[in-house]
Structure formats: structure tokens, C-alpha cells
Amino acid sequence: MKATELRAKDKPALDKELQDLLRAQFSLRMQKGTQQLTNTSQIRKVRRDIARVRTLLTEKGQTK
């Protein structure tokens, strides 16, 4: 997911996106723990997306 796509979203949409990404991260961690995850690079991508969303939420919170 690109930062430009995220910048177009409003705060409630970013909150929902963050919750979805956190659920996906939990699911990937569980799959890794049970040896079911074949593509471990997905974890890194989700973590970076979470960081992008949190950064934008912080930016939007400061520029009220």
C-alpha cells in the first residue's frame, strides 16, 4: 500500500485500516508459530504498512 493512497483517506478510514492490518499481523504471527506460513516476507510488508498508517494518523492529529 502506498502512502499516497493512505493520504487520501480520512481519519476514521485510517483507523479501520490500522485495525485490519493489526489483525492481519496477528494472523501471520500465528501462522508462523504453527509452521504454516510459507512466505515470511508478508510479515515485514504488514509491519511497514502499520507504520505508514500510524505515521499518517499522527500527522493528521497534529494538523487539525
Protein backbone atom coordinates (compact mmCIF):
# COMPACT_ATOMS: atom_id res chain seq x y z
CA MET A 1 0.00 0.00 0.00
CA LYS A 2 1.38 3.38 -0.97
CA ALA A 3 1.47 6.44 1.24
CA THR A 4 -0.32 8.49 -1.44
CA GLU A 5 -3.29 6.12 -1.26
CA LEU A 6 -3.37 6.44 2.51
CA ARG A 7 -3.12 10.24 2.48
CA ALA A 8 -6.38 10.40 0.53
CA LYS A 9 -8.24 8.63 3.35
CA ASP A 10 -9.80 10.39 6.32
CA LYS A 11 -9.07 9.60 9.98
CA PRO A 12 -11.87 7.01 10.54
CA ALA A 13 -10.83 5.15 7.38
CA LEU A 14 -7.22 5.11 8.57
CA ASP A 15 -8.34 3.80 11.97
CA LYS A 16 -10.20 0.96 10.25
CA GLU A 17 -7.21 0.24 8.02
CA LEU A 18 -4.96 0.08 11.10
CA GLN A 19 -7.28 -2.41 12.82
CA ASP A 20 -7.36 -4.59 9.68
CA LEU A 21 -3.57 -4.54 9.44
CA LEU A 22 -3.15 -5.42 13.12
CA ARG A 23 -5.49 -8.40 12.66
CA ALA A 24 -3.52 -9.48 9.59
CA GLN A 25 -0.28 -9.20 11.56
CA PHE A 26 -1.69 -11.35 14.36
CA SER A 27 -2.86 -13.95 11.85
CA LEU A 28 0.55 -14.05 10.18
CA ARG A 29 2.29 -14.43 13.54
CA MET A 30 0.05 -17.37 14.42
CA GLN A 31 0.71 -18.99 11.04
CA LYS A 32 4.44 -18.56 11.56
CA GLY A 33 4.21 -20.07 15.03
CA THR A 34 2.39 -23.15 13.73
CA GLN A 35 4.76 -23.58 10.76
CA GLN A 36 2.00 -22.80 8.23
CA LEU A 37 3.45 -19.58 6.80
CA THR A 38 5.41 -20.13 3.61
CA ASN A 39 6.03 -16.51 2.58
CA THR A 40 7.58 -14.85 5.62
CA SER A 41 8.13 -11.55 3.78
CA GLN A 42 4.42 -10.83 4.28
CA ILE A 43 5.10 -10.08 7.96
CA ARG A 44 7.59 -7.36 7.01
CA LYS A 45 5.19 -5.79 4.50
CA VAL A 46 2.35 -5.67 7.02
CA ARG A 47 4.62 -4.15 9.69
CA ARG A 48 5.68 -1.40 7.30
CA ASP A 49 2.07 -0.71 6.31
CA ILE A 50 1.17 -0.42 10.01
CA ALA A 51 3.99 2.09 10.46
CA ARG A 52 2.77 4.11 7.46
CA VAL A 53 -0.78 4.27 8.79
CA ARG A 54 0.35 5.22 12.30
CA THR A 55 2.58 7.96 10.88
CA LEU A 56 -0.29 9.43 8.88
CA LEU A 57 -2.62 9.27 11.87
CA THR A 58 -0.06 11.23 13.86
CA GLU A 59 0.29 13.79 11.07
CA LYS A 60 -3.46 14.22 10.75
CA GLY A 61 -3.81 14.56 14.50
CA GLN A 62 -1.30 17.40 14.65
CA THR A 63 -2.72 19.40 11.73
CA LYS A 64 -6.24 19.95 12.97
